[in-house]
Structures are given as C-alpha cells and as structure tokens.
Amino acid sequence: MKAKRHAKILEIIRTHPVNTQEELLNYLLEAGFTVTQATISRDIKELRLIKTLGSDGNYRYSTVRQENEHLSSKFDSLFSDAVTNIDYAGNIVVVKCLTGMAQAACAAMDSLQRGDIVGTISGDDTFLCVMKDENKAIDLVTELKKLLRGAKA
C-alpha cells in the first residue's frame, strides 16, 4: 500500500501545484487513500520532496529530480546567453563570457552540483572549473560546446 501511495503522491505533485501537506492529504483522500497528516509528513521525508518557488510566487512540493530539471533548463538558457568560448588546460576548464556575466554563469554551473567538478572560481568575464582530471575536463568542454552550438543553431 505504501508503494502505491508514494506513486500517487509523485503523480499528484507532478500534475497539481501542492503548497501544503493539507492539500496533499486532500488529494490523497480524493484518490481513495486513507492517511493521516503524520503519514504524509513521513512520506514527504521518505520521498525526499522539497519545496520550490513556483512561477506564481508560491512554494510547492517537488522532487529533487524536477528541481534539477528546472535548474538544468535555467542553466542552458543562461549559459547560451553568457558564454562566448570554452577551452581547457589540463584539468581546468576555462569559460569565457560576455563582460559581467561570468559570475552568474559560474553560479548556475555550481547549482548543477556536478560530481566531476572539484570547484569553480569566477571573475568578470571568465570562470574556471577545476575538474577531477583531464578526461573530466575534456568531457565537460565537449558537453558545453554541444550546448553552445545547439543554442546558437
């Protein structure tokens, strides 16, 4: 029963803007699940649901995956607007940006929480990604260049 309830909760938050546990409880009751607020609270924790700010200014439940997809989409847009060139030297990726855009692009890169990036540092028109090794740097440059070409096509 728990697995079915969890699946229903994920479906509900994917299809409805759920702002509170009470709203989620009501959706579950409508779907035929008899649950308590305490059960909802445990389910939220087990499913690792988070509250994110919606376009309407209200916070709503979403999955980490949904938020990552949202962040990825924002990154793609910002990246294509800001970046002018990408290259690497050893395990360091150098990303050239329009003047004043490097910090925003770097912060967007950081928000993706990539495991292959050891750290980043930004200036006004350039940011650096320190990668775990040169192969990871090559992979990132390839990925970012594809993204850049796709946005400019």
N, C-alpha and C. Protein backbone atom coordinates (compact mmCIF):
# COMPACT_ATOMS: atom_id res chain seq x y z
N MET A 1 0.82 -1.20 0.00
CA MET A 1 0.00 0.00 0.00
C MET A 1 0.87 1.27 0.00
N LYS A 2 1.98 1.20 0.74
CA LYS A 2 2.87 2.36 0.83
C LYS A 2 3.44 2.72 -0.54
N ALA A 3 3.86 1.73 -1.31
CA ALA A 3 4.43 1.98 -2.64
C ALA A 3 3.39 2.63 -3.55
N LYS A 4 2.15 2.16 -3.48
CA LYS A 4 1.08 2.76 -4.29
C LYS A 4 0.82 4.19 -3.86
N ARG A 5 0.84 4.44 -2.56
CA ARG A 5 0.62 5.78 -2.04
C ARG A 5 1.75 6.70 -2.49
N HIS A 6 2.99 6.22 -2.39
CA HIS A 6 4.13 7.02 -2.82
C HIS A 6 4.02 7.35 -4.31
N ALA A 7 3.64 6.39 -5.12
CA ALA A 7 3.48 6.62 -6.55
C ALA A 7 2.40 7.66 -6.80
N LYS A 8 1.32 7.58 -6.03
CA LYS A 8 0.22 8.54 -6.18
C LYS A 8 0.68 9.94 -5.77
N ILE A 9 1.43 10.04 -4.70
CA ILE A 9 1.94 11.34 -4.25
C ILE A 9 2.81 11.97 -5.35
N LEU A 10 3.69 11.18 -5.93
CA LEU A 10 4.54 11.70 -7.01
C LEU A 10 3.72 12.15 -8.21
N GLU A 11 2.69 11.39 -8.52
CA GLU A 11 1.79 11.77 -9.62
C GLU A 11 1.07 13.08 -9.29
N ILE A 12 0.59 13.20 -8.07
CA ILE A 12 -0.15 14.40 -7.65
C ILE A 12 0.73 15.64 -7.75
N ILE A 13 1.95 15.58 -7.20
CA ILE A 13 2.79 16.79 -7.23
C ILE A 13 3.30 17.10 -8.63
N ARG A 14 3.28 16.11 -9.50
CA ARG A 14 3.68 16.34 -10.88
C ARG A 14 2.56 17.04 -11.66
N THR A 15 1.30 16.77 -11.28
CA THR A 15 0.17 17.28 -12.05
C THR A 15 -0.58 18.43 -11.37
N HIS A 16 -0.33 18.67 -10.08
CA HIS A 16 -1.02 19.74 -9.35
C HIS A 16 -0.01 20.56 -8.55
N PRO A 17 -0.25 21.86 -8.44
CA PRO A 17 0.61 22.66 -7.56
C PRO A 17 0.19 22.44 -6.11
N VAL A 18 0.95 21.65 -5.38
CA VAL A 18 0.62 21.32 -3.99
C VAL A 18 1.49 22.17 -3.06
N ASN A 19 0.83 23.07 -2.32
CA ASN A 19 1.56 24.02 -1.47
C ASN A 19 1.71 23.54 -0.03
N THR A 20 0.79 22.71 0.45
CA THR A 20 0.79 22.31 1.85
C THR A 20 0.56 20.82 2.00
N GLN A 21 0.89 20.31 3.18
CA GLN A 21 0.61 18.90 3.48
C GLN A 21 -0.90 18.66 3.48
N GLU A 22 -1.66 19.64 3.92
CA GLU A 22 -3.13 19.50 3.95
C GLU A 22 -3.69 19.33 2.54
N GLU A 23 -3.16 20.10 1.58
CA GLU A 23 -3.60 19.94 0.19
C GLU A 23 -3.27 18.54 -0.32
N LEU A 24 -2.07 18.07 -0.02
CA LEU A 24 -1.66 16.73 -0.43
C LEU A 24 -2.56 15.68 0.20
N LEU A 25 -2.88 15.86 1.48
CA LEU A 25 -3.79 14.95 2.18
C LEU A 25 -5.14 14.90 1.48
N ASN A 26 -5.67 16.06 1.10
CA ASN A 26 -6.98 16.11 0.43
C ASN A 26 -6.94 15.41 -0.93
N TYR A 27 -5.86 15.62 -1.70
CA TYR A 27 -5.74 14.92 -2.98
C TYR A 27 -5.69 13.41 -2.78
N LEU A 28 -4.98 12.96 -1.75
CA LEU A 28 -4.90 11.53 -1.48
C LEU A 28 -6.24 10.97 -1.04
N LEU A 29 -6.97 11.71 -0.23
CA LEU A 29 -8.31 11.27 0.19
C LEU A 29 -9.23 11.15 -1.02
N GLU A 30 -9.16 12.13 -1.93
CA GLU A 30 -9.97 12.08 -3.16
C GLU A 30 -9.62 10.85 -4.00
N ALA A 31 -8.36 10.43 -3.93
CA ALA A 31 -7.90 9.27 -4.72
C ALA A 31 -8.16 7.95 -4.00
N GLY A 32 -8.77 8.02 -2.81
CA GLY A 32 -9.13 6.80 -2.10
C GLY A 32 -8.12 6.30 -1.08
N PHE A 33 -7.14 7.12 -0.75
CA PHE A 33 -6.14 6.74 0.25
C PHE A 33 -6.53 7.34 1.60
N THR A 34 -6.63 6.50 2.61
CA THR A 34 -6.92 6.97 3.96
C THR A 34 -5.60 7.13 4.69
N VAL A 35 -5.23 8.39 4.94
CA VAL A 35 -3.94 8.68 5.57
C VAL A 35 -4.10 9.79 6.60
N THR A 36 -3.12 9.89 7.45
CA THR A 36 -3.08 10.97 8.45
C THR A 36 -2.01 11.99 8.05
N GLN A 37 -2.03 13.11 8.73
CA GLN A 37 -1.02 14.13 8.47
C GLN A 37 0.36 13.60 8.81
N ALA A 38 0.47 12.80 9.85
CA ALA A 38 1.75 12.22 10.25
C ALA A 38 2.29 11.30 9.15
N THR A 39 1.41 10.54 8.53
CA THR A 39 1.82 9.66 7.42
C THR A 39 2.31 10.50 6.25
N ILE A 40 1.60 11.57 5.94
CA ILE A 40 2.01 12.46 4.85
C ILE A 40 3.40 13.03 5.13
N SER A 41 3.61 13.44 6.38
CA SER A 41 4.90 14.00 6.76
C SER A 41 6.03 12.99 6.56
N ARG A 42 5.80 11.73 6.97
CA ARG A 42 6.81 10.67 6.77
C ARG A 42 7.03 10.41 5.28
N ASP A 43 5.93 10.38 4.52
CA ASP A 43 6.05 10.14 3.07
C ASP A 43 6.88 11.23 2.40
N ILE A 44 6.66 12.47 2.79
CA ILE A 44 7.42 13.59 2.22
C ILE A 44 8.91 13.40 2.49
N LYS A 45 9.20 12.99 3.72
CA LYS A 45 10.61 12.78 4.09
C LYS A 45 11.20 11.61 3.31
N GLU A 46 10.48 10.49 3.25
CA GLU A 46 10.98 9.31 2.55
C GLU A 46 11.15 9.54 1.05
N LEU A 47 10.25 10.33 0.46
CA LEU A 47 10.33 10.62 -0.97
C LEU A 47 11.29 11.78 -1.27
N ARG A 48 11.81 12.37 -0.20
CA ARG A 48 12.75 13.50 -0.31
C ARG A 48 12.17 14.63 -1.14
N LEU A 49 10.91 14.94 -0.86
CA LEU A 49 10.27 16.06 -1.54
C LEU A 49 10.81 17.36 -0.97
N ILE A 50 10.89 18.35 -1.82
CA ILE A 50 11.37 19.66 -1.40
C ILE A 50 10.34 20.70 -1.82
N LYS A 51 10.40 21.85 -1.21
CA LYS A 51 9.53 22.96 -1.62
C LYS A 51 10.35 23.89 -2.49
N THR A 52 9.78 24.20 -3.65
CA THR A 52 10.45 25.11 -4.57
C THR A 52 9.51 26.26 -4.91
N LEU A 53 10.08 27.38 -5.28
CA LEU A 53 9.31 28.56 -5.61
C LEU A 53 8.77 28.42 -7.02
N GLY A 54 7.46 28.49 -7.14
CA GLY A 54 6.82 28.39 -8.45
C GLY A 54 6.80 29.73 -9.16
N SER A 55 6.42 29.73 -10.42
CA SER A 55 6.39 30.96 -11.21
C SER A 55 5.35 31.95 -10.70
N ASP A 56 4.38 31.44 -9.92
CA ASP A 56 3.35 32.32 -9.35
C ASP A 56 3.76 32.92 -8.01
N GLY A 57 4.98 32.61 -7.55
CA GLY A 57 5.48 33.17 -6.30
C GLY A 57 5.15 32.35 -5.07
N ASN A 58 4.49 31.21 -5.25
CA ASN A 58 4.14 30.33 -4.14
C ASN A 58 5.09 29.13 -4.10
N TYR A 59 5.34 28.65 -2.89
CA TYR A 59 6.17 27.46 -2.74
C TYR A 59 5.30 26.22 -2.89
N ARG A 60 5.86 25.22 -3.56
CA ARG A 60 5.11 23.96 -3.76
C ARG A 60 6.06 22.79 -3.69
N TYR A 61 5.48 21.63 -3.42
CA TYR A 61 6.28 20.42 -3.33
C TYR A 61 6.74 19.97 -4.72
N SER A 62 7.98 19.50 -4.77
CA SER A 62 8.50 18.90 -6.00
C SER A 62 9.58 17.90 -5.61
N THR A 63 9.98 17.11 -6.57
CA THR A 63 11.05 16.16 -6.31
C THR A 63 12.38 16.83 -6.62
N VAL A 64 13.44 16.31 -6.08
CA VAL A 64 14.77 16.84 -6.38
C VAL A 64 15.01 16.75 -7.88
N ARG A 65 14.54 15.69 -8.50
CA ARG A 65 14.71 15.49 -9.94
C ARG A 65 14.02 16.60 -10.73
N GLN A 66 12.77 16.95 -10.32
CA GLN A 66 12.06 18.03 -11.00
C GLN A 66 12.84 19.34 -10.86
N GLU A 67 13.36 19.60 -9.67
CA GLU A 67 14.12 20.82 -9.43
C GLU A 67 15.40 20.81 -10.25
N ASN A 68 16.06 19.66 -10.34
CA ASN A 68 17.29 19.57 -11.14
C ASN A 68 17.00 19.82 -12.62
N GLU A 69 15.85 19.31 -13.11
CA GLU A 69 15.48 19.56 -14.50
C GLU A 69 15.24 21.05 -14.71
N HIS A 70 14.59 21.69 -13.72
CA HIS A 70 14.32 23.12 -13.79
C HIS A 70 15.64 23.89 -13.79
N LEU A 71 16.55 23.53 -12.88
CA LEU A 71 17.86 24.19 -12.82
C LEU A 71 18.63 23.99 -14.10
N SER A 72 18.56 22.77 -14.65
CA SER A 72 19.26 22.47 -15.88
C SER A 72 18.74 23.34 -17.03
N SER A 73 17.43 23.52 -17.09
CA SER A 73 16.83 24.36 -18.12
C SER A 73 17.28 25.81 -17.96
N LYS A 74 17.28 26.31 -16.72
CA LYS A 74 17.74 27.68 -16.47
C LYS A 74 19.21 27.82 -16.85
N PHE A 75 20.01 26.81 -16.50
CA PHE A 75 21.43 26.84 -16.83
C PHE A 75 21.62 26.92 -18.34
N ASP A 76 20.91 26.09 -19.09
CA ASP A 76 21.04 26.08 -20.55
C ASP A 76 20.78 27.47 -21.12
N SER A 77 19.73 28.12 -20.64
CA SER A 77 19.36 29.44 -21.13
C SER A 77 20.42 30.48 -20.78
N LEU A 78 20.81 30.52 -19.53
CA LEU A 78 21.83 31.48 -19.09
C LEU A 78 23.16 31.23 -19.80
N PHE A 79 23.53 29.97 -19.88
CA PHE A 79 24.80 29.61 -20.49
C PHE A 79 24.86 30.07 -21.94
N SER A 80 23.81 29.81 -22.70
CA SER A 80 23.83 30.17 -24.11
C SER A 80 23.84 31.69 -24.30
N ASP A 81 23.27 32.43 -23.36
CA ASP A 81 23.27 33.89 -23.44
C ASP A 81 24.61 34.50 -23.03
N ALA A 82 25.32 33.86 -22.10
CA ALA A 82 26.50 34.46 -21.49
C ALA A 82 27.83 34.03 -22.10
N VAL A 83 27.94 32.78 -22.53
CA VAL A 83 29.25 32.21 -22.88
C VAL A 83 29.64 32.51 -24.32
N THR A 84 30.93 32.86 -24.50
CA THR A 84 31.45 33.14 -25.84
C THR A 84 32.47 32.09 -26.30
N ASN A 85 33.17 31.44 -25.34
CA ASN A 85 34.18 30.45 -25.72
C ASN A 85 34.46 29.51 -24.55
N ILE A 86 34.86 28.28 -24.88
CA ILE A 86 35.17 27.26 -23.87
C ILE A 86 36.43 26.53 -24.30
N ASP A 87 37.35 26.32 -23.36
CA ASP A 87 38.57 25.56 -23.65
C ASP A 87 39.05 24.94 -22.34
N TYR A 88 40.12 24.18 -22.42
CA TYR A 88 40.66 23.58 -21.20
C TYR A 88 42.18 23.53 -21.28
N ALA A 89 42.79 23.45 -20.10
CA ALA A 89 44.24 23.24 -19.98
C ALA A 89 44.41 22.27 -18.82
N GLY A 90 44.85 21.06 -19.12
CA GLY A 90 44.96 20.05 -18.07
C GLY A 90 43.59 19.74 -17.51
N ASN A 91 43.45 19.88 -16.19
CA ASN A 91 42.17 19.58 -15.57
C ASN A 91 41.35 20.84 -15.29
N ILE A 92 41.70 21.96 -15.93
CA ILE A 92 40.98 23.22 -15.72
C ILE A 92 40.22 23.60 -17.00
N VAL A 93 38.91 23.82 -16.83
CA VAL A 93 38.07 24.28 -17.94
C VAL A 93 37.94 25.79 -17.81
N VAL A 94 38.22 26.49 -18.91
CA VAL A 94 38.15 27.95 -18.95
C VAL A 94 36.94 28.34 -19.78
N VAL A 95 36.02 29.09 -19.16
CA VAL A 95 34.79 29.51 -19.83
C VAL A 95 34.80 31.03 -19.95
N LYS A 96 34.89 31.53 -21.18
CA LYS A 96 34.87 32.97 -21.46
C LYS A 96 33.42 33.41 -21.64
N CYS A 97 33.09 34.56 -21.04
CA CYS A 97 31.72 35.06 -21.06
C CYS A 97 31.68 36.52 -21.50
N LEU A 98 30.48 37.00 -21.78
CA LEU A 98 30.30 38.42 -22.01
C LEU A 98 30.66 39.15 -20.71
N THR A 99 31.16 40.36 -20.82
CA THR A 99 31.55 41.13 -19.64
C THR A 99 30.39 41.23 -18.64
N GLY A 100 30.71 40.89 -17.40
CA GLY A 100 29.72 40.96 -16.33
C GLY A 100 28.87 39.72 -16.16
N MET A 101 29.01 38.72 -17.02
CA MET A 101 28.14 37.54 -16.99
C MET A 101 28.79 36.31 -16.37
N ALA A 102 30.09 36.34 -16.13
CA ALA A 102 30.78 35.14 -15.67
C ALA A 102 30.30 34.67 -14.29
N GLN A 103 30.07 35.60 -13.38
CA GLN A 103 29.65 35.19 -12.04
C GLN A 103 28.30 34.48 -12.07
N ALA A 104 27.36 34.99 -12.86
CA ALA A 104 26.05 34.35 -12.96
C ALA A 104 26.16 32.97 -13.61
N ALA A 105 26.95 32.88 -14.67
CA ALA A 105 27.12 31.59 -15.35
C ALA A 105 27.82 30.59 -14.44
N CYS A 106 28.79 31.06 -13.68
CA CYS A 106 29.51 30.19 -12.74
C CYS A 106 28.58 29.71 -11.63
N ALA A 107 27.76 30.62 -11.09
CA ALA A 107 26.80 30.24 -10.05
C ALA A 107 25.81 29.21 -10.59
N ALA A 108 25.40 29.38 -11.84
CA ALA A 108 24.49 28.41 -12.46
C ALA A 108 25.17 27.05 -12.59
N MET A 109 26.44 27.06 -12.97
CA MET A 109 27.20 25.81 -13.07
C MET A 109 27.27 25.14 -11.69
N ASP A 110 27.56 25.93 -10.66
CA ASP A 110 27.63 25.38 -9.30
C ASP A 110 26.30 24.76 -8.87
N SER A 111 25.19 25.37 -9.28
CA SER A 111 23.87 24.87 -8.86
C SER A 111 23.57 23.48 -9.41
N LEU A 112 24.27 23.09 -10.47
CA LEU A 112 24.05 21.76 -11.04
C LEU A 112 24.65 20.66 -10.18
N GLN A 113 25.54 21.04 -9.27
CA GLN A 113 26.17 20.11 -8.32
C GLN A 113 26.74 18.88 -9.02
N ARG A 114 27.56 19.11 -9.99
CA ARG A 114 28.20 18.03 -10.74
C ARG A 114 29.29 17.41 -9.88
N GLY A 115 29.36 16.12 -9.84
CA GLY A 115 30.36 15.42 -9.06
C GLY A 115 31.74 15.44 -9.65
N ASP A 116 31.85 15.79 -10.94
CA ASP A 116 33.16 15.80 -11.58
C ASP A 116 33.88 17.14 -11.43
N ILE A 117 33.20 18.14 -10.89
CA ILE A 117 33.81 19.45 -10.68
C ILE A 117 34.26 19.56 -9.23
N VAL A 118 35.56 19.81 -9.03
CA VAL A 118 36.12 19.96 -7.69
C VAL A 118 35.74 21.32 -7.13
N GLY A 119 35.77 22.35 -7.97
CA GLY A 119 35.43 23.69 -7.55
C GLY A 119 35.44 24.65 -8.72
N THR A 120 34.90 25.85 -8.48
CA THR A 120 34.87 26.87 -9.52
C THR A 120 35.34 28.19 -8.93
N ILE A 121 35.77 29.08 -9.82
CA ILE A 121 36.14 30.44 -9.43
C ILE A 121 35.78 31.35 -10.60
N SER A 122 35.29 32.54 -10.26
CA SER A 122 34.80 33.42 -11.31
C SER A 122 35.39 34.82 -11.21
N GLY A 123 35.57 35.40 -12.37
CA GLY A 123 35.91 36.81 -12.49
C GLY A 123 34.75 37.52 -13.15
N ASP A 124 35.04 38.59 -13.86
CA ASP A 124 34.01 39.39 -14.50
C ASP A 124 33.58 38.80 -15.84
N ASP A 125 34.56 38.29 -16.62
CA ASP A 125 34.24 37.77 -17.94
C ASP A 125 34.76 36.36 -18.18
N THR A 126 35.24 35.71 -17.14
CA THR A 126 35.78 34.35 -17.26
C THR A 126 35.52 33.59 -15.97
N PHE A 127 35.18 32.31 -16.10
CA PHE A 127 35.18 31.47 -14.91
C PHE A 127 35.90 30.16 -15.20
N LEU A 128 36.44 29.58 -14.13
CA LEU A 128 37.21 28.35 -14.24
C LEU A 128 36.50 27.24 -13.49
N CYS A 129 36.55 26.05 -14.04
CA CYS A 129 36.08 24.84 -13.37
C CYS A 129 37.29 23.94 -13.18
N VAL A 130 37.62 23.62 -11.95
CA VAL A 130 38.70 22.69 -11.67
C VAL A 130 38.06 21.30 -11.64
N MET A 131 38.51 20.46 -12.57
CA MET A 131 37.94 19.13 -12.73
C MET A 131 38.78 18.09 -11.99
N LYS A 132 38.21 16.92 -11.78
CA LYS A 132 38.94 15.85 -11.08
C LYS A 132 40.16 15.39 -11.85
N ASP A 133 40.07 15.41 -13.18
CA ASP A 133 41.22 15.03 -14.01
C ASP A 133 41.02 15.58 -15.42
N GLU A 134 42.01 15.41 -16.26
CA GLU A 134 41.94 15.96 -17.61
C GLU A 134 40.82 15.35 -18.44
N ASN A 135 40.58 14.05 -18.28
CA ASN A 135 39.49 13.42 -19.04
C ASN A 135 38.14 14.03 -18.69
N LYS A 136 37.93 14.35 -17.41
CA LYS A 136 36.68 15.00 -16.99
C LYS A 136 36.60 16.40 -17.60
N ALA A 137 37.73 17.08 -17.71
CA ALA A 137 37.76 18.41 -18.34
C ALA A 137 37.36 18.32 -19.81
N ILE A 138 37.91 17.34 -20.50
CA ILE A 138 37.58 17.14 -21.92
C ILE A 138 36.10 16.85 -22.07
N ASP A 139 35.57 15.98 -21.19
CA ASP A 139 34.14 15.64 -21.25
C ASP A 139 33.27 16.88 -21.05
N LEU A 140 33.62 17.71 -20.06
CA LEU A 140 32.83 18.91 -19.79
C LEU A 140 32.90 19.89 -20.95
N VAL A 141 34.08 20.11 -21.51
CA VAL A 141 34.23 21.02 -22.65
C VAL A 141 33.38 20.52 -23.82
N THR A 142 33.42 19.23 -24.09
CA THR A 142 32.63 18.65 -25.18
C THR A 142 31.15 18.88 -24.94
N GLU A 143 30.69 18.60 -23.73
CA GLU A 143 29.28 18.78 -23.38
C GLU A 143 28.85 20.24 -23.50
N LEU A 144 29.67 21.15 -22.98
CA LEU A 144 29.32 22.57 -23.01
C LEU A 144 29.36 23.14 -24.43
N LYS A 145 30.29 22.67 -25.23
CA LYS A 145 30.36 23.14 -26.63
C LYS A 145 29.13 22.66 -27.40
N LYS A 146 28.67 21.45 -27.15
CA LYS A 146 27.44 20.95 -27.79
C LYS A 146 26.26 21.83 -27.40
N LEU A 147 26.19 22.15 -26.12
CA LEU A 147 25.12 23.01 -25.62
C LEU A 147 25.19 24.37 -26.29
N LEU A 148 26.37 24.92 -26.40
CA LEU A 148 26.54 26.23 -27.01
C LEU A 148 26.18 26.21 -28.50
N ARG A 149 26.63 25.16 -29.20
CA ARG A 149 26.29 25.05 -30.64
C ARG A 149 24.79 24.88 -30.83
N GLY A 150 24.16 24.08 -29.96
CA GLY A 150 22.73 23.85 -30.07
C GLY A 150 21.92 25.11 -29.85
N ALA A 151 22.39 25.96 -28.94
CA ALA A 151 21.68 27.21 -28.65
C ALA A 151 21.86 28.23 -29.77
N LYS A 152 22.99 28.19 -30.44
CA LYS A 152 23.27 29.19 -31.49
C LYS A 152 22.78 28.74 -32.85
N ALA A 153 22.32 27.49 -32.95
CA ALA A 153 21.87 26.95 -34.25
C ALA A 153 20.49 27.46 -34.61
